[in-house]
Amino acid sequence: MTSDTSIQAPASMEQASPARRNFLKRAGGLGAAAVAAIAVTWTDAPDALAAPGCCSLAHPNGPWCGGRKGTDAFSCPGGYHKTVWYCVTGHLHYACWECSKGTACYSGPWSCSNYVAIYV
């Protein structure tokens, strides 16, 4: 026995009207533009730990002593000496370094800065 019944989609699901499709395209484009604008804003923002509060670095965004953030393996340029100090903010323990010409870490000028943050 064979059946000759066919299933058809309701009229509302057959095909979206051109006006509705254009609206959806525009709305999708606006959403993508908003997401792109937010992403650009975030890429311009500094790192969360770029300027650690308790280190008070002379150069919180570089130049980094040692050429990269987060290293203590560096020597200071001629006439500068390496100074180090430690501080704690909440669960973060910091080791902070700078190359300075002054007689103490708080007297510059400073050629570079660096730090390491350890979550404890």
C-alpha atoms as a PDB file:
ATOM      1  CA  MET A   1       0.000   0.000   0.000  1.00  0.00           C
ATOM      2  CA  THR A   2       1.440   3.362  -0.939  1.00  0.00           C
ATOM      3  CA  SER A   3       0.563   6.709   0.469  1.00  0.00           C
ATOM      4  CA  ASP A   4       0.292   9.831  -1.594  1.00  0.00           C
ATOM      5  CA  THR A   5       0.539  12.354   1.196  1.00  0.00           C
ATOM      6  CA  SER A   6       3.079  15.133   1.017  1.00  0.00           C
ATOM      7  CA  ILE A   7       4.237  17.365   3.820  1.00  0.00           C
ATOM      8  CA  GLN A   8       4.427  21.068   3.149  1.00  0.00           C
ATOM      9  CA  ALA A   9       5.880  23.785   5.311  1.00  0.00           C
ATOM     10  CA  PRO A  10       3.461  26.381   6.614  1.00  0.00           C
ATOM     11  CA  ALA A  11       3.271  29.523   4.528  1.00  0.00           C
ATOM     12  CA  SER A  12       5.074  31.550   7.219  1.00  0.00           C
ATOM     13  CA  MET A  13       8.165  29.294   6.971  1.00  0.00           C
ATOM     14  CA  GLU A  14       8.381  28.991   3.187  1.00  0.00           C
ATOM     15  CA  GLN A  15      10.568  31.997   2.442  1.00  0.00           C
ATOM     16  CA  ALA A  16      11.426  35.231   4.194  1.00  0.00           C
ATOM     17  CA  SER A  17      10.385  38.363   2.380  1.00  0.00           C
ATOM     18  CA  PRO A  18      13.130  40.507   0.781  1.00  0.00           C
ATOM     19  CA  ALA A  19      12.422  43.332   3.254  1.00  0.00           C
ATOM     20  CA  ARG A  20      12.936  40.979   6.205  1.00  0.00           C
ATOM     21  CA  ARG A  21      16.157  39.579   4.722  1.00  0.00           C
ATOM     22  CA  ASN A  22      17.526  43.102   4.203  1.00  0.00           C
ATOM     23  CA  PHE A  23      16.661  44.025   7.792  1.00  0.00           C
ATOM     24  CA  LEU A  24      18.449  40.928   9.095  1.00  0.00           C
ATOM     25  CA  LYS A  25      21.525  41.715   6.955  1.00  0.00           C
ATOM     26  CA  ARG A  26      21.653  45.274   8.292  1.00  0.00           C
ATOM     27  CA  ALA A  27      21.164  44.143  11.886  1.00  0.00           C
ATOM     28  CA  GLY A  28      23.890  41.522  11.505  1.00  0.00           C
ATOM     29  CA  GLY A  29      26.230  44.108  10.032  1.00  0.00           C
ATOM     30  CA  LEU A  30      25.583  46.522  12.893  1.00  0.00           C
ATOM     31  CA  GLY A  31      26.229  43.753  15.430  1.00  0.00           C
ATOM     32  CA  ALA A  32      29.513  42.882  13.745  1.00  0.00           C
ATOM     33  CA  ALA A  33      30.533  46.555  13.720  1.00  0.00           C
ATOM     34  CA  ALA A  34      29.772  46.855  17.440  1.00  0.00           C
ATOM     35  CA  VAL A  35      31.817  43.745  18.242  1.00  0.00           C
ATOM     36  CA  ALA A  36      34.713  45.046  16.136  1.00  0.00           C
ATOM     37  CA  ALA A  37      34.623  48.425  17.910  1.00  0.00           C
ATOM     38  CA  ILE A  38      34.749  46.743  21.314  1.00  0.00           C
ATOM     39  CA  ALA A  39      37.615  44.486  20.214  1.00  0.00           C
ATOM     40  CA  VAL A  40      39.647  47.481  19.007  1.00  0.00           C
ATOM     41  CA  THR A  41      39.067  49.225  22.346  1.00  0.00           C
ATOM     42  CA  TRP A  42      40.340  46.175  24.233  1.00  0.00           C
ATOM     43  CA  THR A  43      43.467  45.829  22.086  1.00  0.00           C
ATOM     44  CA  ASP A  44      44.390  49.452  22.835  1.00  0.00           C
ATOM     45  CA  ALA A  45      44.005  48.936  26.587  1.00  0.00           C
ATOM     46  CA  PRO A  46      47.194  48.276  28.563  1.00  0.00           C
ATOM     47  CA  ASP A  47      47.810  44.908  30.205  1.00  0.00           C
ATOM     48  CA  ALA A  48      46.000  44.454  33.500  1.00  0.00           C
ATOM     49  CA  LEU A  49      49.365  44.252  35.274  1.00  0.00           C
ATOM     50  CA  ALA A  50      51.226  46.709  33.039  1.00  0.00           C
ATOM     51  CA  ALA A  51      51.586  49.202  35.895  1.00  0.00           C
ATOM     52  CA  PRO A  52      51.425  47.246  39.135  1.00  0.00           C
ATOM     53  CA  GLY A  53      50.172  49.518  41.890  1.00  0.00           C
ATOM     54  CA  CYS A  54      52.704  48.679  44.555  1.00  0.00           C
ATOM     55  CA  CYS A  55      55.794  48.750  42.291  1.00  0.00           C
ATOM     56  CA  SER A  56      55.353  52.380  41.184  1.00  0.00           C
ATOM     57  CA  LEU A  57      57.743  51.848  38.280  1.00  0.00           C
ATOM     58  CA  ALA A  58      59.296  54.773  36.452  1.00  0.00           C
ATOM     59  CA  HIS A  59      58.507  52.986  33.150  1.00  0.00           C
ATOM     60  CA  PRO A  60      55.352  50.900  33.832  1.00  0.00           C
ATOM     61  CA  ASN A  61      54.868  50.119  30.117  1.00  0.00           C
ATOM     62  CA  GLY A  62      58.518  49.727  29.145  1.00  0.00           C
ATOM     63  CA  PRO A  63      61.241  49.956  28.125  1.00  0.00           C
ATOM     64  CA  TRP A  64      61.731  46.639  29.877  1.00  0.00           C
ATOM     65  CA  CYS A  65      65.062  45.884  31.476  1.00  0.00           C
ATOM     66  CA  GLY A  66      66.240  42.672  29.831  1.00  0.00           C
ATOM     67  CA  GLY A  67      64.194  43.341  26.682  1.00  0.00           C
ATOM     68  CA  ARG A  68      60.965  41.690  27.834  1.00  0.00           C
ATOM     69  CA  LYS A  69      58.534  41.958  30.706  1.00  0.00           C
ATOM     70  CA  GLY A  70      58.914  39.534  33.588  1.00  0.00           C
ATOM     71  CA  THR A  71      62.655  38.856  33.719  1.00  0.00           C
ATOM     72  CA  ASP A  72      65.355  39.633  36.246  1.00  0.00           C
ATOM     73  CA  ALA A  73      68.137  38.299  34.009  1.00  0.00           C
ATOM     74  CA  PHE A  74      69.595  41.594  32.839  1.00  0.00           C
ATOM     75  CA  SER A  75      72.490  43.938  33.409  1.00  0.00           C
ATOM     76  CA  CYS A  76      72.051  47.679  33.538  1.00  0.00           C
ATOM     77  CA  PRO A  77      73.758  49.961  31.028  1.00  0.00           C
ATOM     78  CA  GLY A  78      77.010  51.688  32.007  1.00  0.00           C
ATOM     79  CA  GLY A  79      76.530  54.298  34.732  1.00  0.00           C
ATOM     80  CA  TYR A  80      73.273  52.707  35.974  1.00  0.00           C
ATOM     81  CA  HIS A  81      72.818  50.200  38.770  1.00  0.00           C
ATOM     82  CA  LYS A  82      70.169  47.559  39.344  1.00  0.00           C
ATOM     83  CA  THR A  83      67.784  48.184  42.220  1.00  0.00           C
ATOM     84  CA  VAL A  84      65.187  45.737  43.499  1.00  0.00           C
ATOM     85  CA  TRP A  85      62.310  45.968  45.958  1.00  0.00           C
ATOM     86  CA  TYR A  86      59.344  43.804  46.902  1.00  0.00           C
ATOM     87  CA  CYS A  87      55.735  44.578  47.670  1.00  0.00           C
ATOM     88  CA  VAL A  88      52.395  42.814  48.166  1.00  0.00           C
ATOM     89  CA  THR A  89      48.917  43.699  46.937  1.00  0.00           C
ATOM     90  CA  GLY A  90      46.231  41.219  47.967  1.00  0.00           C
ATOM     91  CA  HIS A  91      47.293  37.786  46.721  1.00  0.00           C
ATOM     92  CA  LEU A  92      49.938  39.202  44.370  1.00  0.00           C
ATOM     93  CA  HIS A  93      53.568  39.353  45.490  1.00  0.00           C
ATOM     94  CA  TYR A  94      55.765  41.571  43.311  1.00  0.00           C
ATOM     95  CA  ALA A  95      59.477  41.726  42.688  1.00  0.00           C
ATOM     96  CA  CYS A  96      60.271  45.091  41.057  1.00  0.00           C
ATOM     97  CA  TRP A  97      63.519  46.157  39.332  1.00  0.00           C
ATOM     98  CA  GLU A  98      64.866  49.303  37.738  1.00  0.00           C
ATOM     99  CA  CYS A  99      68.156  50.561  36.418  1.00  0.00           C
ATOM    100  CA  SER A 100      68.817  53.962  37.964  1.00  0.00           C
ATOM    101  CA  LYS A 101      71.683  56.425  38.075  1.00  0.00           C
ATOM    102  CA  GLY A 102      70.710  57.765  41.503  1.00  0.00           C
ATOM    103  CA  THR A 103      72.047  56.560  44.821  1.00  0.00           C
ATOM    104  CA  ALA A 104      68.709  54.953  45.745  1.00  0.00           C
ATOM    105  CA  CYS A 105      65.906  53.250  43.835  1.00  0.00           C
ATOM    106  CA  TYR A 106      63.683  56.320  44.185  1.00  0.00           C
ATOM    107  CA  SER A 107      66.217  58.712  42.654  1.00  0.00           C
ATOM    108  CA  GLY A 108      66.597  58.654  38.865  1.00  0.00           C
ATOM    109  CA  PRO A 109      67.013  58.995  36.066  1.00  0.00           C
ATOM    110  CA  TRP A 110      65.932  55.454  35.175  1.00  0.00           C
ATOM    111  CA  SER A 111      66.802  53.684  31.933  1.00  0.00           C
ATOM    112  CA  CYS A 112      64.310  50.791  32.229  1.00  0.00           C
ATOM    113  CA  SER A 113      61.941  48.960  34.579  1.00  0.00           C
ATOM    114  CA  ASN A 114      60.686  45.407  35.088  1.00  0.00           C
ATOM    115  CA  TYR A 115      58.696  43.284  37.511  1.00  0.00           C
ATOM    116  CA  VAL A 116      57.359  39.820  38.214  1.00  0.00           C
ATOM    117  CA  ALA A 117      53.980  39.203  39.869  1.00  0.00           C
ATOM    118  CA  ILE A 118      53.372  35.903  41.667  1.00  0.00           C
ATOM    119  CA  TYR A 119      49.878  34.892  42.775  1.00  0.00           C
ATOM    120  CA  VAL A 120      50.005  33.412  46.277  1.00  0.00           C
END
